[in-house]
Amino acid sequence: MSSQADALANLSPQQKQQLMAQMQAEVVQAQMQDLVTNMNEKCHKKCAGTSGNQLDKREQGCYSMCMDRYTDTMTAVTQALQARNNNR
């Protein structure tokens, strides 16, 4: 066994639970960062034009609507997956 495996084996159940909770929080944080990055990339590609370094009013409106739709879609998908998992 490796020293890491030995260290994990020596943790109390409470310590293992805390470690799992910390790891899950880190995974959720990474997923949220990916979500925001993907949302920004997709909305920028769809809405940003040739107005230079700043978005004009039309582009700002497009960007806002795009982000709202993206967020609503992700919420609906997440809720559907959670409902599916709860019905198992």
N, C-alpha and C. Protein backbone atom coordinates (compact mmCIF):
# COMPACT_ATOMS: atom_id res chain seq x y z
N MET A 1 0.83 -1.19 0.00
CA MET A 1 0.00 0.00 0.00
C MET A 1 0.87 1.25 0.00
N SER A 2 0.39 2.28 -0.66
CA SER A 2 1.15 3.52 -0.68
C SER A 2 0.91 4.29 0.61
N SER A 3 1.73 5.28 0.83
CA SER A 3 1.58 6.08 2.05
C SER A 3 0.25 6.84 2.04
N GLN A 4 -0.22 7.23 0.85
CA GLN A 4 -1.52 7.92 0.77
C GLN A 4 -2.65 6.97 1.14
N ALA A 5 -2.57 5.75 0.65
CA ALA A 5 -3.59 4.75 0.97
C ALA A 5 -3.57 4.45 2.46
N ASP A 6 -2.38 4.36 3.03
CA ASP A 6 -2.26 4.14 4.48
C ASP A 6 -2.89 5.29 5.25
N ALA A 7 -2.61 6.50 4.81
CA ALA A 7 -3.16 7.67 5.49
C ALA A 7 -4.69 7.66 5.43
N LEU A 8 -5.26 7.31 4.27
CA LEU A 8 -6.71 7.24 4.14
C LEU A 8 -7.29 6.13 5.02
N ALA A 9 -6.61 5.03 5.08
CA ALA A 9 -7.10 3.90 5.89
C ALA A 9 -7.10 4.24 7.37
N ASN A 10 -6.23 5.14 7.79
CA ASN A 10 -6.13 5.50 9.20
C ASN A 10 -7.08 6.62 9.61
N LEU A 11 -7.85 7.18 8.67
CA LEU A 11 -8.77 8.24 9.01
C LEU A 11 -10.00 7.67 9.72
N SER A 12 -10.53 8.45 10.63
CA SER A 12 -11.77 8.06 11.30
C SER A 12 -12.93 8.24 10.31
N PRO A 13 -14.07 7.62 10.57
CA PRO A 13 -15.23 7.81 9.69
C PRO A 13 -15.61 9.28 9.54
N GLN A 14 -15.51 10.04 10.62
CA GLN A 14 -15.83 11.48 10.57
C GLN A 14 -14.82 12.21 9.68
N GLN A 15 -13.55 11.88 9.79
CA GLN A 15 -12.53 12.51 8.95
C GLN A 15 -12.73 12.15 7.48
N LYS A 16 -13.10 10.90 7.21
CA LYS A 16 -13.37 10.48 5.83
C LYS A 16 -14.57 11.25 5.27
N GLN A 17 -15.59 11.44 6.11
CA GLN A 17 -16.78 12.17 5.68
C GLN A 17 -16.42 13.64 5.39
N GLN A 18 -15.60 14.23 6.24
CA GLN A 18 -15.17 15.62 6.03
C GLN A 18 -14.35 15.73 4.74
N LEU A 19 -13.47 14.78 4.51
CA LEU A 19 -12.65 14.78 3.31
C LEU A 19 -13.52 14.65 2.06
N MET A 20 -14.50 13.76 2.10
CA MET A 20 -15.41 13.60 0.97
C MET A 20 -16.21 14.88 0.72
N ALA A 21 -16.67 15.52 1.79
CA ALA A 21 -17.43 16.76 1.64
C ALA A 21 -16.56 17.85 1.01
N GLN A 22 -15.31 17.93 1.43
CA GLN A 22 -14.38 18.91 0.88
C GLN A 22 -14.12 18.63 -0.61
N MET A 23 -13.94 17.37 -0.94
CA MET A 23 -13.69 17.00 -2.33
C MET A 23 -14.92 17.29 -3.19
N GLN A 24 -16.11 17.01 -2.67
CA GLN A 24 -17.33 17.30 -3.41
C GLN A 24 -17.49 18.80 -3.63
N ALA A 25 -17.16 19.59 -2.62
CA ALA A 25 -17.24 21.05 -2.76
C ALA A 25 -16.28 21.55 -3.83
N GLU A 26 -15.09 20.96 -3.89
CA GLU A 26 -14.12 21.35 -4.91
C GLU A 26 -14.59 20.97 -6.30
N VAL A 27 -15.23 19.82 -6.42
CA VAL A 27 -15.77 19.39 -7.71
C VAL A 27 -16.89 20.33 -8.15
N VAL A 28 -17.77 20.69 -7.23
CA VAL A 28 -18.87 21.61 -7.55
C VAL A 28 -18.31 22.96 -7.97
N GLN A 29 -17.30 23.44 -7.28
CA GLN A 29 -16.69 24.72 -7.63
C GLN A 29 -16.08 24.66 -9.04
N ALA A 30 -15.42 23.59 -9.36
CA ALA A 30 -14.83 23.44 -10.69
C ALA A 30 -15.93 23.37 -11.76
N GLN A 31 -17.01 22.68 -11.46
CA GLN A 31 -18.12 22.60 -12.40
C GLN A 31 -18.75 23.97 -12.63
N MET A 32 -18.89 24.74 -11.58
CA MET A 32 -19.45 26.09 -11.71
C MET A 32 -18.53 26.98 -12.53
N GLN A 33 -17.24 26.87 -12.32
CA GLN A 33 -16.29 27.64 -13.11
C GLN A 33 -16.39 27.26 -14.59
N ASP A 34 -16.51 25.97 -14.87
CA ASP A 34 -16.68 25.51 -16.25
C ASP A 34 -17.97 26.04 -16.85
N LEU A 35 -19.05 26.01 -16.07
CA LEU A 35 -20.34 26.51 -16.53
C LEU A 35 -20.24 27.98 -16.93
N VAL A 36 -19.65 28.79 -16.07
CA VAL A 36 -19.52 30.22 -16.34
C VAL A 36 -18.63 30.45 -17.56
N THR A 37 -17.55 29.71 -17.65
CA THR A 37 -16.65 29.85 -18.80
C THR A 37 -17.37 29.49 -20.10
N ASN A 38 -18.07 28.36 -20.10
CA ASN A 38 -18.81 27.94 -21.29
C ASN A 38 -19.89 28.95 -21.66
N MET A 39 -20.61 29.43 -20.64
CA MET A 39 -21.67 30.40 -20.88
C MET A 39 -21.09 31.67 -21.50
N ASN A 40 -20.00 32.16 -20.95
CA ASN A 40 -19.38 33.37 -21.48
C ASN A 40 -18.90 33.17 -22.92
N GLU A 41 -18.28 32.03 -23.19
CA GLU A 41 -17.78 31.76 -24.54
C GLU A 41 -18.91 31.69 -25.55
N LYS A 42 -19.97 30.94 -25.22
CA LYS A 42 -21.09 30.78 -26.14
C LYS A 42 -21.82 32.10 -26.36
N CYS A 43 -22.08 32.83 -25.29
CA CYS A 43 -22.80 34.09 -25.42
C CYS A 43 -21.95 35.14 -26.13
N HIS A 44 -20.66 35.14 -25.88
CA HIS A 44 -19.79 36.10 -26.56
C HIS A 44 -19.77 35.82 -28.06
N LYS A 45 -19.65 34.54 -28.40
CA LYS A 45 -19.62 34.16 -29.81
C LYS A 45 -20.92 34.55 -30.50
N LYS A 46 -22.05 34.39 -29.79
CA LYS A 46 -23.35 34.68 -30.38
C LYS A 46 -23.63 36.18 -30.45
N CYS A 47 -23.20 36.94 -29.45
CA CYS A 47 -23.68 38.31 -29.30
C CYS A 47 -22.66 39.40 -29.64
N ALA A 48 -21.39 39.13 -29.41
CA ALA A 48 -20.39 40.18 -29.61
C ALA A 48 -20.18 40.43 -31.09
N GLY A 49 -20.17 41.69 -31.44
CA GLY A 49 -19.99 42.05 -32.84
C GLY A 49 -18.68 42.78 -33.05
N THR A 50 -18.80 43.88 -33.71
CA THR A 50 -17.60 44.64 -34.09
C THR A 50 -17.54 45.99 -33.39
N SER A 51 -18.16 46.06 -32.21
CA SER A 51 -18.22 47.35 -31.52
C SER A 51 -16.94 47.69 -30.77
N GLY A 52 -15.92 46.90 -30.91
CA GLY A 52 -14.65 47.19 -30.25
C GLY A 52 -14.54 46.51 -28.91
N ASN A 53 -13.95 47.23 -27.96
CA ASN A 53 -13.67 46.65 -26.64
C ASN A 53 -14.89 46.60 -25.73
N GLN A 54 -15.95 47.32 -26.09
CA GLN A 54 -17.14 47.35 -25.25
C GLN A 54 -18.35 46.89 -26.06
N LEU A 55 -19.30 46.27 -25.35
CA LEU A 55 -20.53 45.84 -26.01
C LEU A 55 -21.45 47.05 -26.16
N ASP A 56 -22.10 47.17 -27.34
CA ASP A 56 -23.10 48.24 -27.48
C ASP A 56 -24.40 47.76 -26.84
N LYS A 57 -25.44 48.61 -26.85
CA LYS A 57 -26.68 48.27 -26.16
C LYS A 57 -27.33 47.00 -26.71
N ARG A 58 -27.32 46.83 -28.02
CA ARG A 58 -27.91 45.64 -28.62
C ARG A 58 -27.15 44.40 -28.16
N GLU A 59 -25.84 44.48 -28.18
CA GLU A 59 -25.02 43.35 -27.76
C GLU A 59 -25.20 43.05 -26.28
N GLN A 60 -25.32 44.09 -25.47
CA GLN A 60 -25.55 43.90 -24.03
C GLN A 60 -26.86 43.17 -23.79
N GLY A 61 -27.91 43.58 -24.51
CA GLY A 61 -29.21 42.92 -24.38
C GLY A 61 -29.14 41.46 -24.81
N CYS A 62 -28.47 41.22 -25.93
CA CYS A 62 -28.29 39.85 -26.43
C CYS A 62 -27.54 39.01 -25.40
N TYR A 63 -26.47 39.57 -24.87
CA TYR A 63 -25.64 38.85 -23.90
C TYR A 63 -26.46 38.50 -22.66
N SER A 64 -27.23 39.46 -22.18
CA SER A 64 -28.06 39.24 -21.00
C SER A 64 -29.10 38.15 -21.24
N MET A 65 -29.78 38.22 -22.38
CA MET A 65 -30.78 37.20 -22.70
C MET A 65 -30.13 35.83 -22.88
N CYS A 66 -28.98 35.80 -23.51
CA CYS A 66 -28.26 34.55 -23.72
C CYS A 66 -27.89 33.92 -22.38
N MET A 67 -27.38 34.72 -21.48
CA MET A 67 -26.99 34.20 -20.15
C MET A 67 -28.22 33.70 -19.40
N ASP A 68 -29.32 34.44 -19.49
CA ASP A 68 -30.56 34.02 -18.82
C ASP A 68 -31.04 32.68 -19.38
N ARG A 69 -31.04 32.53 -20.70
CA ARG A 69 -31.48 31.28 -21.32
C ARG A 69 -30.55 30.14 -20.94
N TYR A 70 -29.26 30.40 -20.95
CA TYR A 70 -28.27 29.38 -20.61
C TYR A 70 -28.48 28.91 -19.18
N THR A 71 -28.66 29.87 -18.27
CA THR A 71 -28.88 29.55 -16.85
C THR A 71 -30.18 28.79 -16.67
N ASP A 72 -31.25 29.24 -17.32
CA ASP A 72 -32.55 28.55 -17.21
C ASP A 72 -32.45 27.12 -17.73
N THR A 73 -31.75 26.94 -18.83
CA THR A 73 -31.59 25.61 -19.40
C THR A 73 -30.80 24.70 -18.47
N MET A 74 -29.71 25.21 -17.92
CA MET A 74 -28.90 24.41 -17.01
C MET A 74 -29.69 24.06 -15.75
N THR A 75 -30.52 24.98 -15.26
CA THR A 75 -31.35 24.71 -14.09
C THR A 75 -32.36 23.61 -14.40
N ALA A 76 -33.00 23.69 -15.57
CA ALA A 76 -33.99 22.68 -15.95
C ALA A 76 -33.33 21.31 -16.10
N VAL A 77 -32.17 21.26 -16.71
CA VAL A 77 -31.47 19.99 -16.89
C VAL A 77 -31.07 19.41 -15.53
N THR A 78 -30.54 20.25 -14.66
CA THR A 78 -30.13 19.80 -13.33
C THR A 78 -31.32 19.25 -12.55
N GLN A 79 -32.45 19.97 -12.60
CA GLN A 79 -33.64 19.51 -11.89
C GLN A 79 -34.15 18.19 -12.45
N ALA A 80 -34.12 18.04 -13.77
CA ALA A 80 -34.57 16.79 -14.39
C ALA A 80 -33.66 15.63 -13.99
N LEU A 81 -32.36 15.86 -13.97
CA LEU A 81 -31.42 14.81 -13.57
C LEU A 81 -31.62 14.43 -12.10
N GLN A 82 -31.84 15.44 -11.25
CA GLN A 82 -32.07 15.16 -9.83
C GLN A 82 -33.36 14.35 -9.64
N ALA A 83 -34.41 14.72 -10.37
CA ALA A 83 -35.67 13.98 -10.28
C ALA A 83 -35.49 12.55 -10.76
N ARG A 84 -34.73 12.37 -11.82
CA ARG A 84 -34.47 11.03 -12.35
C ARG A 84 -33.71 10.19 -11.31
N ASN A 85 -32.70 10.80 -10.68
CA ASN A 85 -31.91 10.08 -9.66
C ASN A 85 -32.76 9.76 -8.44
N ASN A 86 -33.69 10.64 -8.07
CA ASN A 86 -34.53 10.40 -6.90
C ASN A 86 -35.55 9.29 -7.14
N ASN A 87 -35.88 9.05 -8.41
CA ASN A 87 -36.86 8.01 -8.75
C ASN A 87 -36.23 6.63 -8.89
N ARG A 88 -34.96 6.52 -8.73
CA ARG A 88 -34.28 5.21 -8.86
C ARG A 88 -34.45 4.40 -7.62
